[in-house]
PDB file of N, CA and C in Angstrom:
ATOM      1  N   MET A   1    -124.588  -9.343  56.930  1.00  0.00           N
ATOM      2  CA  MET A   1    -124.765 -10.386  55.952  1.00  0.00           C
ATOM      3  C   MET A   1    -123.798 -11.539  56.220  1.00  0.00           C
ATOM      4  N   HIS A   2    -122.563 -11.220  56.587  1.00  0.00           N
ATOM      5  CA  HIS A   2    -121.583 -12.280  56.824  1.00  0.00           C
ATOM      6  C   HIS A   2    -122.042 -13.204  57.946  1.00  0.00           C
ATOM      7  N   TRP A   3    -122.640 -12.616  58.988  1.00  0.00           N
ATOM      8  CA  TRP A   3    -123.102 -13.429  60.106  1.00  0.00           C
ATOM      9  C   TRP A   3    -124.159 -14.423  59.639  1.00  0.00           C
ATOM     10  N   HIS A   4    -125.113 -13.948  58.838  1.00  0.00           N
ATOM     11  CA  HIS A   4    -126.154 -14.845  58.317  1.00  0.00           C
ATOM     12  C   HIS A   4    -125.541 -15.953  57.461  1.00  0.00           C
ATOM     13  N   LEU A   5    -124.586 -15.605  56.621  1.00  0.00           N
ATOM     14  CA  LEU A   5    -123.956 -16.616  55.774  1.00  0.00           C
ATOM     15  C   LEU A   5    -123.221 -17.646  56.617  1.00  0.00           C
ATOM     16  N   ASP A   6    -122.577 -17.185  57.668  1.00  0.00           N
ATOM     17  CA  ASP A   6    -121.814 -18.108  58.511  1.00  0.00           C
ATOM     18  C   ASP A   6    -122.726 -18.999  59.348  1.00  0.00           C
ATOM     19  N   VAL A   7    -123.747 -18.413  59.958  1.00  0.00           N
ATOM     20  CA  VAL A   7    -124.619 -19.187  60.835  1.00  0.00           C
ATOM     21  C   VAL A   7    -125.579 -20.064  60.034  1.00  0.00           C
ATOM     22  N   THR A   8    -126.201 -19.512  59.008  1.00  0.00           N
ATOM     23  CA  THR A   8    -127.207 -20.255  58.258  1.00  0.00           C
ATOM     24  C   THR A   8    -126.587 -21.296  57.345  1.00  0.00           C
ATOM     25  N   PHE A   9    -125.510 -20.932  56.663  1.00  0.00           N
ATOM     26  CA  PHE A   9    -124.919 -21.833  55.671  1.00  0.00           C
ATOM     27  C   PHE A   9    -123.550 -22.373  56.080  1.00  0.00           C
ATOM     28  N   ARG A  10    -123.075 -22.019  57.290  1.00  0.00           N
ATOM     29  CA  ARG A  10    -121.763 -22.461  57.780  1.00  0.00           C
ATOM     30  C   ARG A  10    -120.668 -22.194  56.739  1.00  0.00           C
ATOM     31  N   GLU A  11    -120.635 -20.957  56.264  1.00  0.00           N
ATOM     32  CA  GLU A  11    -119.714 -20.583  55.192  1.00  0.00           C
ATOM     33  C   GLU A  11    -118.246 -20.699  55.613  1.00  0.00           C
ATOM     34  N   ASP A  12    -117.941 -20.421  56.870  1.00  0.00           N
ATOM     35  CA  ASP A  12    -116.546 -20.489  57.310  1.00  0.00           C
ATOM     36  C   ASP A  12    -116.004 -21.910  57.302  1.00  0.00           C
ATOM     37  N   ALA A  13    -116.880 -22.903  57.280  1.00  0.00           N
ATOM     38  CA  ALA A  13    -116.450 -24.304  57.239  1.00  0.00           C
ATOM     39  C   ALA A  13    -116.250 -24.789  55.798  1.00  0.00           C
ATOM     40  N   ASN A  14    -116.374 -23.885  54.834  1.00  0.00           N
ATOM     41  CA  ASN A  14    -116.217 -24.242  53.427  1.00  0.00           C
ATOM     42  C   ASN A  14    -114.780 -24.700  53.157  1.00  0.00           C
ATOM     43  N   LYS A  15    -114.637 -25.833  52.491  1.00  0.00           N
ATOM     44  CA  LYS A  15    -113.311 -26.372  52.214  1.00  0.00           C
ATOM     45  C   LYS A  15    -113.043 -26.467  50.714  1.00  0.00           C
ATOM     46  N   ALA A  16    -113.663 -25.577  49.938  1.00  0.00           N
ATOM     47  CA  ALA A  16    -113.436 -25.572  48.494  1.00  0.00           C
ATOM     48  C   ALA A  16    -111.992 -25.152  48.221  1.00  0.00           C
ATOM     49  N   ILE A  17    -111.295 -25.948  47.448  1.00  0.00           N
ATOM     50  CA  ILE A  17    -109.892 -25.675  47.154  1.00  0.00           C
ATOM     51  C   ILE A  17    -109.763 -24.699  45.978  1.00  0.00           C
ATOM     52  N   ASP A  18    -110.548 -24.935  44.956  1.00  0.00           N
ATOM     53  CA  ASP A  18    -110.502 -24.096  43.760  1.00  0.00           C
ATOM     54  C   ASP A  18    -111.106 -22.724  44.066  1.00  0.00           C
ATOM     55  N   LYS A  19    -110.414 -21.662  43.671  1.00  0.00           N
ATOM     56  CA  LYS A  19    -110.856 -20.306  43.961  1.00  0.00           C
ATOM     57  C   LYS A  19    -112.175 -19.988  43.265  1.00  0.00           C
ATOM     58  N   LYS A  20    -112.328 -20.420  42.025  1.00  0.00           N
ATOM     59  CA  LYS A  20    -113.569 -20.168  41.277  1.00  0.00           C
ATOM     60  C   LYS A  20    -114.748 -20.899  41.922  1.00  0.00           C
ATOM     61  N   ALA A  21    -114.520 -22.121  42.386  1.00  0.00           N
ATOM     62  CA  ALA A  21    -115.581 -22.879  43.039  1.00  0.00           C
ATOM     63  C   ALA A  21    -116.032 -22.167  44.312  1.00  0.00           C
ATOM     64  N   ALA A  22    -115.090 -21.646  45.078  1.00  0.00           N
ATOM     65  CA  ALA A  22    -115.425 -20.923  46.305  1.00  0.00           C
ATOM     66  C   ALA A  22    -116.229 -19.664  45.991  1.00  0.00           C
ATOM     67  N   GLN A  23    -115.855 -18.961  44.929  1.00  0.00           N
ATOM     68  CA  GLN A  23    -116.591 -17.764  44.527  1.00  0.00           C
ATOM     69  C   GLN A  23    -118.005 -18.118  44.070  1.00  0.00           C
ATOM     70  N   ASN A  24    -118.133 -19.187  43.309  1.00  0.00           N
ATOM     71  CA  ASN A  24    -119.451 -19.619  42.837  1.00  0.00           C
ATOM     72  C   ASN A  24    -120.342 -20.023  44.003  1.00  0.00           C
ATOM     73  N   LEU A  25    -119.785 -20.743  44.969  1.00  0.00           N
ATOM     74  CA  LEU A  25    -120.559 -21.137  46.141  1.00  0.00           C
ATOM     75  C   LEU A  25    -121.009 -19.918  46.940  1.00  0.00           C
ATOM     76  N   ASN A  26    -120.150 -18.911  47.022  1.00  0.00           N
ATOM     77  CA  ASN A  26    -120.497 -17.686  47.726  1.00  0.00           C
ATOM     78  C   ASN A  26    -121.669 -16.984  47.048  1.00  0.00           C
ATOM     79  N   ILE A  27    -121.657 -16.926  45.735  1.00  0.00           N
ATOM     80  CA  ILE A  27    -122.752 -16.304  44.979  1.00  0.00           C
ATOM     81  C   ILE A  27    -124.048 -17.074  45.202  1.00  0.00           C
ATOM     82  N   ILE A  28    -123.972 -18.402  45.154  1.00  0.00           N
ATOM     83  CA  ILE A  28    -125.163 -19.228  45.358  1.00  0.00           C
ATOM     84  C   ILE A  28    -125.713 -19.027  46.766  1.00  0.00           C
ATOM     85  N   ARG A  29    -124.849 -18.967  47.765  1.00  0.00           N
ATOM     86  CA  ARG A  29    -125.309 -18.756  49.144  1.00  0.00           C
ATOM     87  C   ARG A  29    -126.000 -17.411  49.305  1.00  0.00           C
ATOM     88  N   LYS A  30    -125.441 -16.364  48.709  1.00  0.00           N
ATOM     89  CA  LYS A  30    -126.052 -15.034  48.802  1.00  0.00           C
ATOM     90  C   LYS A  30    -127.408 -15.011  48.103  1.00  0.00           C
ATOM     91  N   TRP A  31    -127.511 -15.707  46.977  1.00  0.00           N
ATOM     92  CA  TRP A  31    -128.776 -15.791  46.258  1.00  0.00           C
ATOM     93  C   TRP A  31    -129.813 -16.525  47.114  1.00  0.00           C
ATOM     94  N   CYS A  32    -129.401 -17.624  47.727  1.00  0.00           N
ATOM     95  CA  CYS A  32    -130.302 -18.383  48.598  1.00  0.00           C
ATOM     96  C   CYS A  32    -130.720 -17.563  49.813  1.00  0.00           C
ATOM     97  N   LEU A  33    -129.805 -16.776  50.356  1.00  0.00           N
ATOM     98  CA  LEU A  33    -130.127 -15.936  51.502  1.00  0.00           C
ATOM     99  C   LEU A  33    -131.199 -14.913  51.127  1.00  0.00           C
ATOM    100  N   SER A  34    -131.092 -14.328  49.943  1.00  0.00           N
ATOM    101  CA  SER A  34    -132.113 -13.359  49.517  1.00  0.00           C
ATOM    102  C   SER A  34    -133.462 -14.038  49.319  1.00  0.00           C
ATOM    103  N   ILE A  35    -133.466 -15.291  48.842  1.00  0.00           N
ATOM    104  CA  ILE A  35    -134.718 -16.035  48.700  1.00  0.00           C
ATOM    105  C   ILE A  35    -135.305 -16.350  50.074  1.00  0.00           C
ATOM    106  N   LEU A  36    -134.448 -16.746  51.015  1.00  0.00           N
ATOM    107  CA  LEU A  36    -134.929 -17.026  52.373  1.00  0.00           C
ATOM    108  C   LEU A  36    -135.537 -15.790  53.016  1.00  0.00           C
ATOM    109  N   LYS A  37    -134.969 -14.636  52.758  1.00  0.00           N
ATOM    110  CA  LYS A  37    -135.513 -13.401  53.331  1.00  0.00           C
ATOM    111  C   LYS A  37    -136.895 -13.105  52.769  1.00  0.00           C
ATOM    112  N   MET A  38    -137.126 -13.431  51.503  1.00  0.00           N
ATOM    113  CA  MET A  38    -138.423 -13.182  50.873  1.00  0.00           C
ATOM    114  C   MET A  38    -139.471 -14.208  51.297  1.00  0.00           C
ATOM    115  N   ALA A  39    -139.043 -15.423  51.567  1.00  0.00           N
ATOM    116  CA  ALA A  39    -139.973 -16.520  51.837  1.00  0.00           C
ATOM    117  C   ALA A  39    -140.723 -16.299  53.144  1.00  0.00           C
ATOM    118  N   GLU A  40    -142.020 -16.514  53.086  1.00  0.00           N
ATOM    119  CA  GLU A  40    -142.847 -16.455  54.287  1.00  0.00           C
ATOM    120  C   GLU A  40    -143.292 -17.869  54.590  1.00  0.00           C
ATOM    121  N   VAL A  41    -142.669 -18.482  55.579  1.00  0.00           N
ATOM    122  CA  VAL A  41    -142.967 -19.874  55.906  1.00  0.00           C
ATOM    123  C   VAL A  41    -143.853 -20.003  57.139  1.00  0.00           C
ATOM    124  N   SER A  42    -144.081 -18.902  57.805  1.00  0.00           N
ATOM    125  CA  SER A  42    -144.875 -18.937  59.018  1.00  0.00           C
ATOM    126  C   SER A  42    -145.497 -17.564  59.230  1.00  0.00           C
ATOM    127  N   ARG A  43    -146.514 -17.529  60.051  1.00  0.00           N
ATOM    128  CA  ARG A  43    -147.117 -16.237  60.396  1.00  0.00           C
ATOM    129  C   ARG A  43    -146.224 -15.476  61.373  1.00  0.00           C
ATOM    130  N   HIS A  44    -145.399 -16.224  62.069  1.00  0.00           N
ATOM    131  CA  HIS A  44    -144.494 -15.623  63.048  1.00  0.00           C
ATOM    132  C   HIS A  44    -143.144 -15.353  62.394  1.00  0.00           C
ATOM    133  N   LYS A  45    -142.444 -14.364  62.919  1.00  0.00           N
ATOM    134  CA  LYS A  45    -141.114 -14.059  62.413  1.00  0.00           C
ATOM    135  C   LYS A  45    -140.146 -15.137  62.896  1.00  0.00           C
ATOM    136  N   LEU A  46    -139.438 -15.769  61.945  1.00  0.00           N
ATOM    137  CA  LEU A  46    -138.498 -16.829  62.281  1.00  0.00           C
ATOM    138  C   LEU A  46    -137.085 -16.410  61.925  1.00  0.00           C
ATOM    139  N   SER A  47    -136.122 -16.950  62.646  1.00  0.00           N
ATOM    140  CA  SER A  47    -134.726 -16.718  62.304  1.00  0.00           C
ATOM    141  C   SER A  47    -134.416 -17.465  61.006  1.00  0.00           C
ATOM    142  N   MET A  48    -133.326 -17.109  60.342  1.00  0.00           N
ATOM    143  CA  MET A  48    -132.948 -17.762  59.083  1.00  0.00           C
ATOM    144  C   MET A  48    -132.722 -19.259  59.291  1.00  0.00           C
ATOM    145  N   LYS A  49    -132.125 -19.607  60.417  1.00  0.00           N
ATOM    146  CA  LYS A  49    -131.857 -21.011  60.691  1.00  0.00           C
ATOM    147  C   LYS A  49    -133.159 -21.802  60.829  1.00  0.00           C
ATOM    148  N   LYS A  50    -134.144 -21.215  61.496  1.00  0.00           N
ATOM    149  CA  LYS A  50    -135.436 -21.874  61.643  1.00  0.00           C
ATOM    150  C   LYS A  50    -136.183 -21.930  60.320  1.00  0.00           C
ATOM    151  N   LYS A  51    -136.074 -20.864  59.515  1.00  0.00           N
ATOM    152  CA  LYS A  51    -136.691 -20.883  58.187  1.00  0.00           C
ATOM    153  C   LYS A  51    -136.107 -22.011  57.354  1.00  0.00           C
ATOM    154  N   ARG A  52    -134.797 -22.149  57.404  1.00  0.00           N
ATOM    155  CA  ARG A  52    -134.139 -23.209  56.637  1.00  0.00           C
ATOM    156  C   ARG A  52    -134.633 -24.578  57.081  1.00  0.00           C
ATOM    157  N   TYR A  53    -134.845 -24.750  58.379  1.00  0.00           N
ATOM    158  CA  TYR A  53    -135.344 -26.021  58.904  1.00  0.00           C
ATOM    159  C   TYR A  53    -136.773 -26.278  58.416  1.00  0.00           C
ATOM    160  N   VAL A  54    -137.644 -25.273  58.539  1.00  0.00           N
ATOM    161  CA  VAL A  54    -139.039 -25.437  58.126  1.00  0.00           C
ATOM    162  C   VAL A  54    -139.128 -25.725  56.631  1.00  0.00           C
ATOM    163  N   ILE A  55    -138.346 -25.032  55.835  1.00  0.00           N
ATOM    164  CA  ILE A  55    -138.347 -25.272  54.391  1.00  0.00           C
ATOM    165  C   ILE A  55    -137.828 -26.672  54.097  1.00  0.00           C
ATOM    166  N   GLY A  56    -136.858 -27.134  54.870  1.00  0.00           N
ATOM    167  CA  GLY A  56    -136.305 -28.472  54.678  1.00  0.00           C
ATOM    168  C   GLY A  56    -137.307 -29.590  54.922  1.00  0.00           C
ATOM    169  N   LEU A  57    -138.342 -29.306  55.710  1.00  0.00           N
ATOM    170  CA  LEU A  57    -139.365 -30.317  55.972  1.00  0.00           C
ATOM    171  C   LEU A  57    -140.222 -30.592  54.737  1.00  0.00           C
ATOM    172  N   ARG A  58    -140.543 -29.550  53.982  1.00  0.00           N
ATOM    173  CA  ARG A  58    -141.356 -29.686  52.769  1.00  0.00           C
ATOM    174  C   ARG A  58    -140.766 -28.804  51.675  1.00  0.00           C
ATOM    175  N   PRO A  59    -139.611 -29.158  51.127  1.00  0.00           N
ATOM    176  CA  PRO A  59    -138.906 -28.268  50.194  1.00  0.00           C
ATOM    177  C   PRO A  59    -139.661 -27.991  48.893  1.00  0.00           C
ATOM    178  N   ILE A  60    -140.347 -28.978  48.339  1.00  0.00           N
ATOM    179  CA  ILE A  60    -141.042 -28.779  47.072  1.00  0.00           C
ATOM    180  C   ILE A  60    -142.146 -27.739  47.217  1.00  0.00           C
ATOM    181  N   LYS A  61    -142.905 -27.813  48.300  1.00  0.00           N
ATOM    182  CA  LYS A  61    -143.992 -26.858  48.545  1.00  0.00           C
ATOM    183  C   LYS A  61    -143.449 -25.431  48.597  1.00  0.00           C
ATOM    184  N   HIS A  62    -142.392 -25.235  49.353  1.00  0.00           N
ATOM    185  CA  HIS A  62    -141.836 -23.893  49.516  1.00  0.00           C
ATOM    186  C   HIS A  62    -141.120 -23.421  48.255  1.00  0.00           C
ATOM    187  N   LEU A  63    -140.506 -24.323  47.538  1.00  0.00           N
ATOM    188  CA  LEU A  63    -139.848 -23.958  46.278  1.00  0.00           C
ATOM    189  C   LEU A  63    -140.868 -23.455  45.270  1.00  0.00           C
ATOM    190  N   GLU A  64    -141.990 -24.121  45.168  1.00  0.00           N
ATOM    191  CA  GLU A  64    -143.049 -23.672  44.253  1.00  0.00           C
ATOM    192  C   GLU A  64    -143.571 -22.298  44.651  1.00  0.00           C
ATOM    193  N   GLU A  65    -143.750 -22.067  45.943  1.00  0.00           N
ATOM    194  CA  GLU A  65    -144.230 -20.761  46.407  1.00  0.00           C
ATOM    195  C   GLU A  65    -143.251 -19.653  46.049  1.00  0.00           C
ATOM    196  N   VAL A  66    -141.966 -19.894  46.231  1.00  0.00           N
ATOM    197  CA  VAL A  66    -140.964 -18.863  45.950  1.00  0.00           C
ATOM    198  C   VAL A  66    -140.834 -18.621  44.453  1.00  0.00           C
ATOM    199  N   LEU A  67    -140.856 -19.678  43.666  1.00  0.00           N
ATOM    200  CA  LEU A  67    -140.675 -19.532  42.222  1.00  0.00           C
ATOM    201  C   LEU A  67    -141.865 -18.877  41.540  1.00  0.00           C
ATOM    202  N   PHE A  68    -143.046 -19.036  42.109  1.00  0.00           N
ATOM    203  CA  PHE A  68    -144.246 -18.488  41.475  1.00  0.00           C
ATOM    204  C   PHE A  68    -144.787 -17.263  42.199  1.00  0.00           C
ATOM    205  N   LEU A  69    -143.902 -16.467  42.786  1.00  0.00           N
ATOM    206  CA  LEU A  69    -144.327 -15.223  43.460  1.00  0.00           C
ATOM    207  C   LEU A  69    -144.702 -14.170  42.464  1.00  0.00           C
TER     208      LEU A  69
END
């Protein structure tokens, strides 16, 4: 899981000073990672980084699909 958080969300580059803010960001990233794992953006198996890119092209479409599963 740590590898996915680091590669997909660049977690190690986080510069949050406040401890609570860093914890909140970590929770949000883990939640987003679980959503990315559920999301089917292609018929082919894609890496998390590629999924994030494809979702970034049409975020509203994919957000609606995930929210209304």
